[in-house]
């Protein structure tokens, strides 16, 4: 697990390097000086909100503070990211006075960097880590699982434990995936790519699809919970369609996979023959 004592020492060193007192840091973060003292003593860890505030004050990214790229303990890195990710998911509903869209997005960027740390922790080789960073396009299989990421914002970590449980998809799922991969399906998902609801008339204009084809995709994706029709949500400006909170993430994973496959950094043979891909 993350060594709280060492982490606390790092916080203390960064604070002193900036010539700040615990009271000054506490005021900027919005906590008591006692809380800062406990963090530096290694008695406890800051939550994701406070971690983000600290990283802003010390002008150092959260993934560097947590050493996700240099830690050799993959499970510890994964556990810390999962904890922060859970806090991140609830941050919009936490009632914190400084929780806003900008803060939420910046915290998401930190989590993005931390997920990359799963690969870096697994290699245990700083030179290889730097080379991989410079490539900016990774698809690596290792003892922890399959890691896919690039600096455009694609990140996916699939643990081997899940891979072992995977089964062949039924025909209906295959039909949905084929529709998602089609040009028409991609147009529709991209047109739904924000938090707003979209009336059918708006989707017709945005996608350029014929009405019968749009209806066909809307029905297929709705039946499989890829998208949903919303009419009475409190944030809904008008009735319409939006990405579903159930299986909608699969749509973006498909588009992310297409984005990765369109890259030219690696050919399939180069990837399979690479000694680090085993």
Protein backbone atom coordinates (compact mmCIF):
# COMPACT_ATOMS: atom_id res chain seq x y z
CA UNK A 1 0.00 0.00 0.00
CA UNK A 2 0.97 3.66 -0.30
CA UNK A 3 3.43 4.54 2.48
CA UNK A 4 1.64 7.35 4.32
CA UNK A 5 4.78 8.36 6.21
CA UNK A 6 6.81 8.84 3.04
CA UNK A 7 3.89 10.64 1.40
CA UNK A 8 3.63 12.94 4.42
CA UNK A 9 7.33 13.72 4.24
CA UNK A 10 6.95 14.66 0.57
CA UNK A 11 4.13 17.03 1.43
CA UNK A 12 6.23 18.63 4.16
CA UNK A 13 9.22 19.02 1.87
CA UNK A 14 7.14 20.59 -0.90
CA UNK A 15 5.56 23.01 1.58
CA UNK A 16 8.88 24.05 3.08
CA UNK A 17 10.39 24.37 -0.38
CA UNK A 18 7.76 27.02 -1.11
CA UNK A 19 8.38 28.71 2.24
CA UNK A 20 4.80 28.17 3.40
CA UNK A 21 3.49 27.37 6.87
CA UNK A 22 0.94 24.66 7.63
CA UNK A 23 -1.54 27.40 8.48
CA UNK A 24 -1.08 29.05 5.07
CA UNK A 25 -1.57 25.75 3.25
CA UNK A 26 -4.62 24.97 5.37
CA UNK A 27 -6.21 28.32 4.53
CA UNK A 28 -5.69 27.81 0.78
CA UNK A 29 -7.00 24.22 0.86
CA UNK A 30 -9.94 25.10 3.11
CA UNK A 31 -9.11 22.78 6.02
CA UNK A 32 -7.68 23.15 9.50
CA UNK A 33 -3.96 23.40 10.18
CA UNK A 34 -4.40 20.21 12.22
CA UNK A 35 -5.49 18.35 9.07
CA UNK A 36 -2.36 19.46 7.22
CA UNK A 37 -0.28 18.39 10.21
CA UNK A 38 -1.87 14.92 10.16
CA UNK A 39 -1.19 14.55 6.43
CA UNK A 40 2.46 15.48 6.89
CA UNK A 41 2.79 13.17 9.89
CA UNK A 42 1.44 10.28 7.82
CA UNK A 43 -1.55 9.77 10.12
CA UNK A 44 -4.03 9.97 7.24
CA UNK A 45 -4.29 10.82 3.54
CA UNK A 46 -6.13 13.75 1.96
CA UNK A 47 -9.25 12.92 -0.02
CA UNK A 48 -9.41 13.56 -3.76
CA UNK A 49 -10.68 17.13 -3.32
CA UNK A 50 -7.90 18.10 -0.95
CA UNK A 51 -5.31 16.21 -2.98
CA UNK A 52 -6.28 18.26 -6.04
CA UNK A 53 -6.08 21.50 -4.04
CA UNK A 54 -2.65 20.54 -2.70
CA UNK A 55 -1.33 19.69 -6.15
CA UNK A 56 -2.51 23.10 -7.40
CA UNK A 57 -0.85 24.93 -4.50
CA UNK A 58 2.44 23.04 -4.80
CA UNK A 59 2.26 23.15 -8.62
CA UNK A 60 2.86 19.43 -8.96
CA UNK A 61 0.45 16.89 -10.46
CA UNK A 62 -1.38 14.44 -8.22
CA UNK A 63 0.09 11.41 -10.01
CA UNK A 64 3.60 12.69 -9.21
CA UNK A 65 2.64 13.30 -5.57
CA UNK A 66 1.34 9.74 -5.32
CA UNK A 67 4.30 8.35 -7.32
CA UNK A 68 2.01 6.23 -9.47
CA UNK A 69 4.70 6.07 -12.15
CA UNK A 70 7.55 4.96 -9.88
CA UNK A 71 5.78 2.66 -7.46
CA UNK A 72 6.48 -1.02 -7.92
CA UNK A 73 3.31 -2.06 -6.09
CA UNK A 74 0.68 -2.33 -8.81
CA UNK A 75 -2.13 -3.33 -6.46
CA UNK A 76 -1.40 -0.32 -4.22
CA UNK A 77 -1.51 2.03 -7.19
CA UNK A 78 -4.73 0.43 -8.43
CA UNK A 79 -6.36 0.63 -5.00
CA UNK A 80 -5.49 4.32 -4.58
CA UNK A 81 -6.80 5.16 -8.04
CA UNK A 82 -10.01 3.25 -7.31
CA UNK A 83 -10.47 5.17 -4.06
CA UNK A 84 -9.90 8.53 -5.76
CA UNK A 85 -12.10 7.46 -8.68
CA UNK A 86 -14.98 6.68 -6.31
CA UNK A 87 -14.60 10.09 -4.68
CA UNK A 88 -14.40 11.67 -8.13
CA UNK A 89 -17.69 10.07 -9.22
CA UNK A 90 -19.47 11.55 -6.21
CA UNK A 91 -17.71 14.91 -6.31
CA UNK A 92 -20.55 16.56 -8.23
CA UNK A 93 -22.96 15.60 -5.43
CA UNK A 94 -20.71 16.16 -2.43
CA UNK A 95 -21.90 19.62 -1.50
CA UNK A 96 -18.35 20.98 -1.42
CA UNK A 97 -18.31 24.72 -2.02
CA UNK A 98 -15.38 24.53 -4.46
CA UNK A 99 -16.69 21.56 -6.44
CA UNK A 100 -17.41 22.90 -9.90
CA UNK A 101 -17.09 21.82 -13.51
CA UNK A 102 -13.51 23.07 -13.85
CA UNK A 103 -12.39 21.34 -10.66
CA UNK A 104 -14.17 18.13 -11.65
CA UNK A 105 -12.54 18.09 -15.09
CA UNK A 106 -9.08 18.83 -13.71
CA UNK A 107 -9.46 16.02 -11.19
CA UNK A 108 -10.43 13.73 -14.08
CA UNK A 109 -7.19 14.67 -15.85
CA UNK A 110 -5.23 13.66 -12.74
CA UNK A 111 -7.03 10.31 -12.65
CA UNK A 112 -6.19 9.86 -16.33
CA UNK A 113 -2.50 10.26 -15.51
CA UNK A 114 -2.80 7.87 -12.57
CA UNK A 115 -4.29 5.11 -14.71
CA UNK A 116 -1.25 5.38 -16.95
CA UNK A 117 0.71 4.70 -13.77
CA UNK A 118 -0.57 1.10 -13.78
CA UNK A 119 1.62 0.42 -16.81
CA UNK A 120 4.56 2.37 -15.44
CA UNK A 121 4.39 0.55 -12.11
CA UNK A 122 4.38 -2.76 -13.96
CA UNK A 123 7.49 -2.09 -16.05
CA UNK A 124 9.65 -1.04 -13.11
CA UNK A 125 12.09 0.55 -15.56
CA UNK A 126 12.30 4.32 -15.78
CA UNK A 127 14.02 4.26 -19.16
CA UNK A 128 11.28 2.11 -20.67
CA UNK A 129 8.68 4.28 -19.01
CA UNK A 130 10.09 7.39 -20.64
CA UNK A 131 10.37 5.70 -24.03
CA UNK A 132 6.75 4.59 -23.74
CA UNK A 133 5.68 8.09 -22.78
CA UNK A 134 7.39 9.54 -25.83
CA UNK A 135 5.61 7.05 -28.08
CA UNK A 136 2.35 8.32 -26.60
CA UNK A 137 0.47 5.28 -27.84
CA UNK A 138 0.44 2.06 -25.83
CA UNK A 139 -1.31 -1.28 -26.10
CA UNK A 140 0.49 -3.50 -23.63
CA UNK A 141 -0.37 -6.86 -22.10
CA UNK A 142 1.32 -7.84 -18.86
CA UNK A 143 0.80 -9.69 -15.56
CA UNK A 144 -1.77 -7.13 -14.34
CA UNK A 145 -3.79 -7.17 -17.54
CA UNK A 146 -4.29 -5.20 -20.75
CA UNK A 147 -3.47 -1.49 -20.78
CA UNK A 148 -4.52 0.85 -23.57
CA UNK A 149 -3.81 4.56 -23.48
CA UNK A 150 -2.61 7.53 -25.42
CA UNK A 151 -2.19 11.21 -24.75
CA UNK A 152 -5.36 12.13 -26.63
CA UNK A 153 -7.39 10.84 -23.69
CA UNK A 154 -7.93 7.12 -24.28
CA UNK A 155 -7.34 5.03 -21.17
CA UNK A 156 -8.50 1.48 -20.54
CA UNK A 157 -7.16 -1.01 -17.99
CA UNK A 158 -8.63 -4.53 -18.08
CA UNK A 159 -7.45 -6.83 -15.31
CA UNK A 160 -6.55 -10.40 -16.18
CA UNK A 161 -9.14 -11.56 -13.64
CA UNK A 162 -11.85 -10.04 -15.84
CA UNK A 163 -10.34 -11.35 -19.07
CA UNK A 164 -10.53 -14.88 -17.65
CA UNK A 165 -14.27 -14.43 -16.99
CA UNK A 166 -15.11 -13.14 -20.45
CA UNK A 167 -17.31 -15.27 -22.70
CA UNK A 168 -18.31 -15.14 -26.34
CA UNK A 169 -20.97 -12.47 -26.82
CA UNK A 170 -24.49 -13.55 -27.92
CA UNK A 171 -25.73 -12.64 -31.39
CA UNK A 172 -27.75 -9.65 -30.15
CA UNK A 173 -24.67 -8.02 -28.62
CA UNK A 174 -22.77 -8.62 -31.84
CA UNK A 175 -25.53 -6.83 -33.74
CA UNK A 176 -25.30 -3.84 -31.40
CA UNK A 177 -21.51 -3.69 -31.71
CA UNK A 178 -21.73 -3.83 -35.50
CA UNK A 179 -24.18 -0.94 -35.43
CA UNK A 180 -21.90 1.05 -33.13
CA UNK A 181 -18.97 0.46 -35.48
CA UNK A 182 -20.92 1.52 -38.54
CA UNK A 183 -20.47 5.05 -39.88
CA UNK A 184 -24.12 5.82 -39.08
CA UNK A 185 -23.74 4.53 -35.53
CA UNK A 186 -20.64 6.61 -34.96
CA UNK A 187 -22.36 9.73 -36.24
CA UNK A 188 -25.21 9.22 -33.80
CA UNK A 189 -23.01 8.61 -30.75
CA UNK A 190 -20.81 11.60 -31.56
CA UNK A 191 -23.92 13.77 -31.95
CA UNK A 192 -24.90 12.71 -28.41
CA UNK A 193 -21.45 13.49 -27.05
CA UNK A 194 -22.37 16.00 -24.36
CA UNK A 195 -24.56 16.10 -21.27
CA UNK A 196 -27.57 17.68 -22.96
CA UNK A 197 -30.64 15.92 -24.26
CA UNK A 198 -31.17 15.96 -28.02
CA UNK A 199 -34.60 15.92 -29.69
CA UNK A 200 -34.95 13.69 -32.74
CA UNK A 201 -35.17 16.69 -35.07
CA UNK A 202 -31.83 17.92 -33.77
CA UNK A 203 -30.25 14.50 -34.29
CA UNK A 204 -31.55 14.38 -37.86
CA UNK A 205 -29.76 17.64 -38.59
CA UNK A 206 -26.56 16.74 -36.70
CA UNK A 207 -26.12 13.27 -38.21
CA UNK A 208 -27.48 13.77 -41.71
CA UNK A 209 -29.19 10.37 -41.46
CA UNK A 210 -32.47 9.46 -43.11
CA UNK A 211 -35.39 9.34 -40.67
CA UNK A 212 -35.95 5.59 -41.07
CA UNK A 213 -32.24 4.87 -40.40
CA UNK A 214 -32.15 7.16 -37.38
CA UNK A 215 -35.27 5.52 -35.96
CA UNK A 216 -33.70 2.10 -36.50
CA UNK A 217 -30.56 3.05 -34.55
CA UNK A 218 -32.46 4.86 -31.80
CA UNK A 219 -34.61 1.77 -31.24
CA UNK A 220 -31.66 -0.64 -31.24
CA UNK A 221 -29.51 1.48 -28.93
CA UNK A 222 -32.41 2.27 -26.59
CA UNK A 223 -33.43 -1.39 -26.25
CA UNK A 224 -29.83 -2.21 -25.30
CA UNK A 225 -29.44 0.73 -22.90
CA UNK A 226 -26.74 2.41 -24.96
CA UNK A 227 -28.89 5.55 -25.06
CA UNK A 228 -32.04 6.62 -23.25
CA UNK A 229 -34.97 8.94 -23.91
CA UNK A 230 -35.27 11.50 -21.11
CA UNK A 231 -38.39 13.58 -20.61
CA UNK A 232 -38.56 14.54 -16.94
CA UNK A 233 -34.99 14.80 -15.64
CA UNK A 234 -34.36 17.88 -13.50
CA UNK A 235 -31.38 18.89 -15.68
CA UNK A 236 -33.26 18.22 -18.90
CA UNK A 237 -33.74 21.42 -20.92
CA UNK A 238 -36.07 19.60 -23.30
CA UNK A 239 -37.20 15.99 -23.88
CA UNK A 240 -34.76 14.04 -25.98
CA UNK A 241 -32.06 11.37 -26.21
CA UNK A 242 -28.77 11.15 -24.35
CA UNK A 243 -26.08 8.58 -23.62
CA UNK A 244 -27.35 6.05 -21.07
CA UNK A 245 -25.74 5.67 -17.68
CA UNK A 246 -26.01 1.89 -18.03
CA UNK A 247 -24.23 0.62 -21.12
CA UNK A 248 -23.51 3.94 -22.79
CA UNK A 249 -19.85 3.77 -21.81
CA UNK A 250 -19.53 0.84 -24.23
CA UNK A 251 -20.27 3.21 -27.09
CA UNK A 252 -17.35 5.44 -26.17
CA UNK A 253 -15.12 2.41 -25.67
CA UNK A 254 -15.92 1.33 -29.21
CA UNK A 255 -15.14 4.78 -30.59
CA UNK A 256 -11.96 4.85 -28.48
CA UNK A 257 -10.91 1.50 -29.95
CA UNK A 258 -11.52 2.86 -33.45
CA UNK A 259 -9.38 5.90 -32.57
CA UNK A 260 -6.56 3.62 -31.39
CA UNK A 261 -6.79 1.38 -34.46
CA UNK A 262 -6.47 4.41 -36.71
CA UNK A 263 -3.10 5.26 -35.17
CA UNK A 264 -0.03 4.58 -37.27
CA UNK A 265 2.53 4.38 -34.46
CA UNK A 266 2.31 0.60 -34.39
CA UNK A 267 1.53 -2.06 -36.92
CA UNK A 268 0.04 -5.31 -35.63
CA UNK A 269 3.20 -7.27 -36.46
CA UNK A 270 5.40 -4.70 -34.69
CA UNK A 271 3.21 -4.89 -31.62
CA UNK A 272 3.10 -8.69 -31.48
CA UNK A 273 6.83 -8.99 -32.07
CA UNK A 274 7.72 -6.40 -29.45
CA UNK A 275 9.39 -8.11 -26.44
CA UNK A 276 7.43 -5.97 -23.97
CA UNK A 277 4.06 -7.01 -25.39
CA UNK A 278 4.22 -10.55 -24.03
